[in-house]
């Protein structure tokens, strides 16, 4: 038996969030692939905690992606440790 939340809602949320995120950011293909993979794990994690609102999941997904982006920028600015 299929679970509509996992089979329909989660992929739709990931697609919606990625579409919005890509429209606001200039990303390389590898960045998009990594972001989609991380976002998918994040969305399924939220669903496992009981969240089922598509709107809430999309907003949480976008928030997560922006946070990842900020963290990557900070990591790039740090000097390498020897």
PDB file of N, CA and C in Angstrom:
ATOM      1  N   UNK A   1       0.846  -1.181   0.000  1.00  0.00           N
ATOM      2  CA  UNK A   1       0.000   0.000   0.000  1.00  0.00           C
ATOM      3  C   UNK A   1       0.896   1.252   0.000  1.00  0.00           C
ATOM      4  N   UNK A   2       0.482   2.232  -0.743  1.00  0.00           N
ATOM      5  CA  UNK A   2       1.277   3.450  -0.831  1.00  0.00           C
ATOM      6  C   UNK A   2       0.830   4.458   0.210  1.00  0.00           C
ATOM      7  N   UNK A   3       1.770   5.254   0.631  1.00  0.00           N
ATOM      8  CA  UNK A   3       1.497   6.321   1.587  1.00  0.00           C
ATOM      9  C   UNK A   3       1.435   7.632   0.809  1.00  0.00           C
ATOM     10  N   UNK A   4       0.243   8.249   0.716  1.00  0.00           N
ATOM     11  CA  UNK A   4       0.123   9.479  -0.079  1.00  0.00           C
ATOM     12  C   UNK A   4       1.035  10.607   0.393  1.00  0.00           C
ATOM     13  N   UNK A   5       1.333  10.645   1.671  1.00  0.00           N
ATOM     14  CA  UNK A   5       2.212  11.707   2.172  1.00  0.00           C
ATOM     15  C   UNK A   5       3.623  11.519   1.622  1.00  0.00           C
ATOM     16  N   UNK A   6       4.117  10.290   1.667  1.00  0.00           N
ATOM     17  CA  UNK A   6       5.474  10.031   1.191  1.00  0.00           C
ATOM     18  C   UNK A   6       5.557   9.960  -0.330  1.00  0.00           C
ATOM     19  N   UNK A   7       4.506   9.477  -0.976  1.00  0.00           N
ATOM     20  CA  UNK A   7       4.553   9.287  -2.425  1.00  0.00           C
ATOM     21  C   UNK A   7       4.096  10.506  -3.224  1.00  0.00           C
ATOM     22  N   UNK A   8       3.273  11.345  -2.634  1.00  0.00           N
ATOM     23  CA  UNK A   8       2.730  12.487  -3.368  1.00  0.00           C
ATOM     24  C   UNK A   8       3.155  13.812  -2.741  1.00  0.00           C
ATOM     25  N   UNK A   9       2.896  13.977  -1.444  1.00  0.00           N
ATOM     26  CA  UNK A   9       3.161  15.256  -0.789  1.00  0.00           C
ATOM     27  C   UNK A   9       4.652  15.579  -0.741  1.00  0.00           C
ATOM     28  N   UNK A  10       5.473  14.673  -0.264  1.00  0.00           N
ATOM     29  CA  UNK A  10       6.909  14.946  -0.107  1.00  0.00           C
ATOM     30  C   UNK A  10       7.567  15.324  -1.436  1.00  0.00           C
ATOM     31  N   UNK A  11       7.371  14.543  -2.515  1.00  0.00           N
ATOM     32  CA  UNK A  11       7.984  14.955  -3.790  1.00  0.00           C
ATOM     33  C   UNK A  11       7.476  16.307  -4.294  1.00  0.00           C
ATOM     34  N   UNK A  12       6.203  16.585  -4.089  1.00  0.00           N
ATOM     35  CA  UNK A  12       5.649  17.875  -4.514  1.00  0.00           C
ATOM     36  C   UNK A  12       6.268  19.018  -3.722  1.00  0.00           C
ATOM     37  N   UNK A  13       6.456  18.815  -2.435  1.00  0.00           N
ATOM     38  CA  UNK A  13       7.076  19.840  -1.583  1.00  0.00           C
ATOM     39  C   UNK A  13       8.518  20.074  -2.021  1.00  0.00           C
ATOM     40  N   UNK A  14       9.258  19.009  -2.262  1.00  0.00           N
ATOM     41  CA  UNK A  14      10.651  19.138  -2.683  1.00  0.00           C
ATOM     42  C   UNK A  14      10.722  19.891  -4.011  1.00  0.00           C
ATOM     43  N   UNK A  15       9.871  19.544  -4.958  1.00  0.00           N
ATOM     44  CA  UNK A  15       9.876  20.221  -6.259  1.00  0.00           C
ATOM     45  C   UNK A  15       9.526  21.695  -6.125  1.00  0.00           C
ATOM     46  N   UNK A  16       8.514  21.988  -5.330  1.00  0.00           N
ATOM     47  CA  UNK A  16       8.093  23.381  -5.142  1.00  0.00           C
ATOM     48  C   UNK A  16       9.204  24.196  -4.485  1.00  0.00           C
ATOM     49  N   UNK A  17       9.783  23.665  -3.422  1.00  0.00           N
ATOM     50  CA  UNK A  17      10.843  24.384  -2.710  1.00  0.00           C
ATOM     51  C   UNK A  17      12.076  24.562  -3.593  1.00  0.00           C
ATOM     52  N   UNK A  18      12.460  23.533  -4.333  1.00  0.00           N
ATOM     53  CA  UNK A  18      13.623  23.644  -5.206  1.00  0.00           C
ATOM     54  C   UNK A  18      13.377  24.646  -6.324  1.00  0.00           C
ATOM     55  N   UNK A  19      12.187  24.660  -6.859  1.00  0.00           N
ATOM     56  CA  UNK A  19      11.849  25.611  -7.920  1.00  0.00           C
ATOM     57  C   UNK A  19      11.992  27.047  -7.423  1.00  0.00           C
ATOM     58  N   UNK A  20      11.477  27.305  -6.249  1.00  0.00           N
ATOM     59  CA  UNK A  20      11.574  28.641  -5.654  1.00  0.00           C
ATOM     60  C   UNK A  20      13.025  28.973  -5.348  1.00  0.00           C
ATOM     61  N   UNK A  21      13.725  28.051  -4.731  1.00  0.00           N
ATOM     62  CA  UNK A  21      15.119  28.263  -4.339  1.00  0.00           C
ATOM     63  C   UNK A  21      15.993  28.544  -5.564  1.00  0.00           C
ATOM     64  N   UNK A  22      15.819  27.766  -6.612  1.00  0.00           N
ATOM     65  CA  UNK A  22      16.621  27.948  -7.819  1.00  0.00           C
ATOM     66  C   UNK A  22      16.337  29.296  -8.482  1.00  0.00           C
ATOM     67  N   UNK A  23      15.119  29.795  -8.347  1.00  0.00           N
ATOM     68  CA  UNK A  23      14.783  31.068  -8.985  1.00  0.00           C
ATOM     69  C   UNK A  23      15.458  32.247  -8.277  1.00  0.00           C
ATOM     70  N   UNK A  24      15.829  32.071  -7.014  1.00  0.00           N
ATOM     71  CA  UNK A  24      16.469  33.147  -6.252  1.00  0.00           C
ATOM     72  C   UNK A  24      17.976  32.997  -6.142  1.00  0.00           C
ATOM     73  N   UNK A  25      18.505  31.893  -6.560  1.00  0.00           N
ATOM     74  CA  UNK A  25      19.932  31.641  -6.392  1.00  0.00           C
ATOM     75  C   UNK A  25      20.545  31.184  -7.711  1.00  0.00           C
ATOM     76  N   UNK A  26      21.760  31.631  -7.966  1.00  0.00           N
ATOM     77  CA  UNK A  26      22.506  31.110  -9.107  1.00  0.00           C
ATOM     78  C   UNK A  26      23.354  29.963  -8.582  1.00  0.00           C
ATOM     79  N   UNK A  27      23.003  28.778  -9.001  1.00  0.00           N
ATOM     80  CA  UNK A  27      23.665  27.589  -8.478  1.00  0.00           C
ATOM     81  C   UNK A  27      24.260  26.756  -9.599  1.00  0.00           C
ATOM     82  N   UNK A  28      25.357  26.092  -9.282  1.00  0.00           N
ATOM     83  CA  UNK A  28      25.921  25.115 -10.212  1.00  0.00           C
ATOM     84  C   UNK A  28      25.080  23.848 -10.131  1.00  0.00           C
ATOM     85  N   UNK A  29      25.185  23.027 -11.152  1.00  0.00           N
ATOM     86  CA  UNK A  29      24.420  21.781 -11.183  1.00  0.00           C
ATOM     87  C   UNK A  29      24.714  20.917  -9.952  1.00  0.00           C
ATOM     88  N   UNK A  30      25.978  20.833  -9.575  1.00  0.00           N
ATOM     89  CA  UNK A  30      26.326  20.008  -8.409  1.00  0.00           C
ATOM     90  C   UNK A  30      25.701  20.561  -7.129  1.00  0.00           C
ATOM     91  N   UNK A  31      25.620  21.891  -7.020  1.00  0.00           N
ATOM     92  CA  UNK A  31      24.977  22.494  -5.844  1.00  0.00           C
ATOM     93  C   UNK A  31      23.491  22.149  -5.801  1.00  0.00           C
ATOM     94  N   UNK A  32      22.855  22.155  -6.963  1.00  0.00           N
ATOM     95  CA  UNK A  32      21.429  21.835  -7.039  1.00  0.00           C
ATOM     96  C   UNK A  32      21.193  20.384  -6.634  1.00  0.00           C
ATOM     97  N   UNK A  33      22.018  19.487  -7.134  1.00  0.00           N
ATOM     98  CA  UNK A  33      21.873  18.065  -6.804  1.00  0.00           C
ATOM     99  C   UNK A  33      22.053  17.847  -5.304  1.00  0.00           C
ATOM    100  N   UNK A  34      23.075  18.457  -4.729  1.00  0.00           N
ATOM    101  CA  UNK A  34      23.322  18.307  -3.288  1.00  0.00           C
ATOM    102  C   UNK A  34      22.195  18.926  -2.469  1.00  0.00           C
ATOM    103  N   UNK A  35      21.706  20.085  -2.896  1.00  0.00           N
ATOM    104  CA  UNK A  35      20.614  20.743  -2.172  1.00  0.00           C
ATOM    105  C   UNK A  35      19.351  19.892  -2.221  1.00  0.00           C
ATOM    106  N   UNK A  36      19.044  19.349  -3.384  1.00  0.00           N
ATOM    107  CA  UNK A  36      17.844  18.504  -3.523  1.00  0.00           C
ATOM    108  C   UNK A  36      17.940  17.270  -2.627  1.00  0.00           C
ATOM    109  N   UNK A  37      19.108  16.660  -2.598  1.00  0.00           N
ATOM    110  CA  UNK A  37      19.299  15.464  -1.764  1.00  0.00           C
ATOM    111  C   UNK A  37      19.115  15.810  -0.281  1.00  0.00           C
ATOM    112  N   UNK A  38      19.741  16.909   0.154  1.00  0.00           N
ATOM    113  CA  UNK A  38      19.634  17.330   1.557  1.00  0.00           C
ATOM    114  C   UNK A  38      18.202  17.737   1.893  1.00  0.00           C
ATOM    115  N   UNK A  39      17.559  18.455   0.979  1.00  0.00           N
ATOM    116  CA  UNK A  39      16.182  18.886   1.202  1.00  0.00           C
ATOM    117  C   UNK A  39      15.239  17.691   1.313  1.00  0.00           C
ATOM    118  N   UNK A  40      15.430  16.711   0.470  1.00  0.00           N
ATOM    119  CA  UNK A  40      14.581  15.514   0.514  1.00  0.00           C
ATOM    120  C   UNK A  40      14.690  14.835   1.877  1.00  0.00           C
ATOM    121  N   UNK A  41      15.917  14.673   2.366  1.00  0.00           N
ATOM    122  CA  UNK A  41      16.095  14.067   3.699  1.00  0.00           C
ATOM    123  C   UNK A  41      15.423  14.920   4.768  1.00  0.00           C
ATOM    124  N   UNK A  42      15.581  16.233   4.652  1.00  0.00           N
ATOM    125  CA  UNK A  42      14.997  17.143   5.643  1.00  0.00           C
ATOM    126  C   UNK A  42      13.467  17.058   5.645  1.00  0.00           C
ATOM    127  N   UNK A  43      12.868  17.086   4.460  1.00  0.00           N
ATOM    128  CA  UNK A  43      11.405  17.029   4.350  1.00  0.00           C
ATOM    129  C   UNK A  43      10.880  15.707   4.914  1.00  0.00           C
ATOM    130  N   UNK A  44      11.516  14.601   4.564  1.00  0.00           N
ATOM    131  CA  UNK A  44      11.062  13.315   5.103  1.00  0.00           C
ATOM    132  C   UNK A  44      11.232  13.258   6.619  1.00  0.00           C
ATOM    133  N   UNK A  45      12.275  13.896   7.127  1.00  0.00           N
ATOM    134  CA  UNK A  45      12.447  13.965   8.580  1.00  0.00           C
ATOM    135  C   UNK A  45      11.311  14.725   9.239  1.00  0.00           C
ATOM    136  N   UNK A  46      10.904  15.832   8.621  1.00  0.00           N
ATOM    137  CA  UNK A  46       9.773  16.598   9.166  1.00  0.00           C
ATOM    138  C   UNK A  46       8.478  15.801   9.106  1.00  0.00           C
ATOM    139  N   UNK A  47       8.300  15.072   8.020  1.00  0.00           N
ATOM    140  CA  UNK A  47       7.101  14.233   7.894  1.00  0.00           C
ATOM    141  C   UNK A  47       7.098  13.158   8.980  1.00  0.00           C
ATOM    142  N   UNK A  48       8.259  12.601   9.270  1.00  0.00           N
ATOM    143  CA  UNK A  48       8.352  11.576  10.325  1.00  0.00           C
ATOM    144  C   UNK A  48       7.995  12.134  11.694  1.00  0.00           C
ATOM    145  N   UNK A  49       8.175  13.452  11.888  1.00  0.00           N
ATOM    146  CA  UNK A  49       7.792  14.057  13.170  1.00  0.00           C
ATOM    147  C   UNK A  49       6.308  14.394  13.217  1.00  0.00           C
ATOM    148  N   UNK A  50       5.608  14.173  12.079  1.00  0.00           N
ATOM    149  CA  UNK A  50       4.160  14.374  12.078  1.00  0.00           C
ATOM    150  C   UNK A  50       3.670  15.556  11.267  1.00  0.00           C
ATOM    151  N   UNK A  51       4.562  16.313  10.656  1.00  0.00           N
ATOM    152  CA  UNK A  51       4.131  17.470   9.863  1.00  0.00           C
ATOM    153  C   UNK A  51       3.530  16.995   8.540  1.00  0.00           C
ATOM    154  N   UNK A  52       2.347  17.483   8.197  1.00  0.00           N
ATOM    155  CA  UNK A  52       1.685  17.068   6.959  1.00  0.00           C
ATOM    156  C   UNK A  52       1.188  18.242   6.114  1.00  0.00           C
ATOM    157  N   UNK A  53       1.429  19.454   6.558  1.00  0.00           N
ATOM    158  CA  UNK A  53       0.992  20.620   5.795  1.00  0.00           C
ATOM    159  C   UNK A  53       1.998  20.908   4.689  1.00  0.00           C
ATOM    160  N   UNK A  54       1.531  20.887   3.444  1.00  0.00           N
ATOM    161  CA  UNK A  54       2.408  21.173   2.321  1.00  0.00           C
ATOM    162  C   UNK A  54       3.028  22.548   2.417  1.00  0.00           C
ATOM    163  N   UNK A  55       2.245  23.522   2.841  1.00  0.00           N
ATOM    164  CA  UNK A  55       2.742  24.890   2.978  1.00  0.00           C
ATOM    165  C   UNK A  55       3.844  24.962   4.037  1.00  0.00           C
ATOM    166  N   UNK A  56       3.590  24.391   5.183  1.00  0.00           N
ATOM    167  CA  UNK A  56       4.575  24.405   6.269  1.00  0.00           C
ATOM    168  C   UNK A  56       5.844  23.674   5.870  1.00  0.00           C
ATOM    169  N   UNK A  57       5.708  22.545   5.198  1.00  0.00           N
ATOM    170  CA  UNK A  57       6.875  21.784   4.757  1.00  0.00           C
ATOM    171  C   UNK A  57       7.691  22.574   3.726  1.00  0.00           C
ATOM    172  N   UNK A  58       7.005  23.265   2.827  1.00  0.00           N
ATOM    173  CA  UNK A  58       7.710  24.056   1.817  1.00  0.00           C
ATOM    174  C   UNK A  58       8.478  25.200   2.460  1.00  0.00           C
ATOM    175  N   UNK A  59       7.835  25.921   3.356  1.00  0.00           N
ATOM    176  CA  UNK A  59       8.503  27.035   4.039  1.00  0.00           C
ATOM    177  C   UNK A  59       9.683  26.516   4.863  1.00  0.00           C
ATOM    178  N   UNK A  60       9.476  25.419   5.576  1.00  0.00           N
ATOM    179  CA  UNK A  60      10.564  24.842   6.372  1.00  0.00           C
ATOM    180  C   UNK A  60      11.703  24.384   5.459  1.00  0.00           C
ATOM    181  N   UNK A  61      11.370  23.848   4.306  1.00  0.00           N
ATOM    182  CA  UNK A  61      12.386  23.412   3.356  1.00  0.00           C
ATOM    183  C   UNK A  61      13.200  24.578   2.826  1.00  0.00           C
ATOM    184  N   UNK A  62      12.527  25.669   2.475  1.00  0.00           N
ATOM    185  CA  UNK A  62      13.231  26.858   1.995  1.00  0.00           C
ATOM    186  C   UNK A  62      14.118  27.452   3.086  1.00  0.00           C
ATOM    187  N   UNK A  63      13.620  27.475   4.289  1.00  0.00           N
ATOM    188  CA  UNK A  63      14.402  27.967   5.421  1.00  0.00           C
ATOM    189  C   UNK A  63      15.657  27.109   5.593  1.00  0.00           C
ATOM    190  N   UNK A  64      15.492  25.815   5.491  1.00  0.00           N
ATOM    191  CA  UNK A  64      16.614  24.886   5.610  1.00  0.00           C
ATOM    192  C   UNK A  64      17.648  25.134   4.504  1.00  0.00           C
ATOM    193  N   UNK A  65      17.196  25.313   3.273  1.00  0.00           N
ATOM    194  CA  UNK A  65      18.109  25.545   2.162  1.00  0.00           C
ATOM    195  C   UNK A  65      18.894  26.845   2.336  1.00  0.00           C
ATOM    196  N   UNK A  66      18.224  27.898   2.771  1.00  0.00           N
ATOM    197  CA  UNK A  66      18.913  29.172   3.004  1.00  0.00           C
ATOM    198  C   UNK A  66      19.945  29.043   4.122  1.00  0.00           C
ATOM    199  N   UNK A  67      19.607  28.311   5.166  1.00  0.00           N
ATOM    200  CA  UNK A  67      20.550  28.091   6.265  1.00  0.00           C
ATOM    201  C   UNK A  67      21.775  27.321   5.771  1.00  0.00           C
ATOM    202  N   UNK A  68      21.560  26.301   4.954  1.00  0.00           N
ATOM    203  CA  UNK A  68      22.676  25.546   4.372  1.00  0.00           C
ATOM    204  C   UNK A  68      23.571  26.457   3.554  1.00  0.00           C
ATOM    205  N   UNK A  69      22.941  27.330   2.784  1.00  0.00           N
ATOM    206  CA  UNK A  69      23.693  28.264   1.944  1.00  0.00           C
ATOM    207  C   UNK A  69      24.549  29.208   2.794  1.00  0.00           C
ATOM    208  N   UNK A  70      23.964  29.726   3.863  1.00  0.00           N
ATOM    209  CA  UNK A  70      24.714  30.613   4.768  1.00  0.00           C
ATOM    210  C   UNK A  70      25.900  29.877   5.381  1.00  0.00           C
ATOM    211  N   UNK A  71      25.683  28.674   5.827  1.00  0.00           N
ATOM    212  CA  UNK A  71      26.748  27.884   6.445  1.00  0.00           C
ATOM    213  C   UNK A  71      27.869  27.597   5.446  1.00  0.00           C
ATOM    214  N   UNK A  72      27.514  27.319   4.204  1.00  0.00           N
ATOM    215  CA  UNK A  72      28.532  27.078   3.175  1.00  0.00           C
ATOM    216  C   UNK A  72      29.362  28.329   2.920  1.00  0.00           C
ATOM    217  N   UNK A  73      28.701  29.485   2.891  1.00  0.00           N
ATOM    218  CA  UNK A  73      29.429  30.741   2.676  1.00  0.00           C
ATOM    219  C   UNK A  73      30.424  31.000   3.802  1.00  0.00           C
ATOM    220  N   UNK A  74      29.994  30.758   5.039  1.00  0.00           N
ATOM    221  CA  UNK A  74      30.874  30.960   6.195  1.00  0.00           C
ATOM    222  C   UNK A  74      32.051  29.994   6.113  1.00  0.00           C
ATOM    223  N   UNK A  75      31.795  28.755   5.768  1.00  0.00           N
ATOM    224  CA  UNK A  75      32.873  27.758   5.666  1.00  0.00           C
ATOM    225  C   UNK A  75      33.893  28.148   4.601  1.00  0.00           C
ATOM    226  N   UNK A  76      33.437  28.734   3.508  1.00  0.00           N
ATOM    227  CA  UNK A  76      34.353  29.138   2.432  1.00  0.00           C
ATOM    228  C   UNK A  76      35.234  30.302   2.845  1.00  0.00           C
ATOM    229  N   UNK A  77      34.745  31.137   3.737  1.00  0.00           N
ATOM    230  CA  UNK A  77      35.514  32.305   4.176  1.00  0.00           C
ATOM    231  C   UNK A  77      36.564  31.965   5.217  1.00  0.00           C
ATOM    232  N   UNK A  78      36.379  30.872   5.927  1.00  0.00           N
ATOM    233  CA  UNK A  78      37.331  30.488   6.966  1.00  0.00           C
ATOM    234  C   UNK A  78      38.645  30.062   6.343  1.00  0.00           C
ATOM    235  N   UNK A  79      39.742  30.496   6.929  1.00  0.00           N
ATOM    236  CA  UNK A  79      41.043  30.033   6.416  1.00  0.00           C
ATOM    237  C   UNK A  79      41.227  28.557   6.735  1.00  0.00           C
ATOM    238  N   UNK A  80      41.922  27.879   5.858  1.00  0.00           N
ATOM    239  CA  UNK A  80      42.174  26.449   6.074  1.00  0.00           C
ATOM    240  C   UNK A  80      43.108  26.263   7.260  1.00  0.00           C
ATOM    241  N   UNK A  81      42.815  25.266   8.072  1.00  0.00           N
ATOM    242  CA  UNK A  81      43.676  24.950   9.227  1.00  0.00           C
ATOM    243  C   UNK A  81      44.793  24.046   8.777  1.00  0.00           C
ATOM    244  N   UNK A  82      45.932  24.245   9.376  1.00  0.00           N
ATOM    245  CA  UNK A  82      47.087  23.391   9.020  1.00  0.00           C
ATOM    246  C   UNK A  82      47.507  22.543  10.161  1.00  0.00           C
TER     247      UNK A  82
END
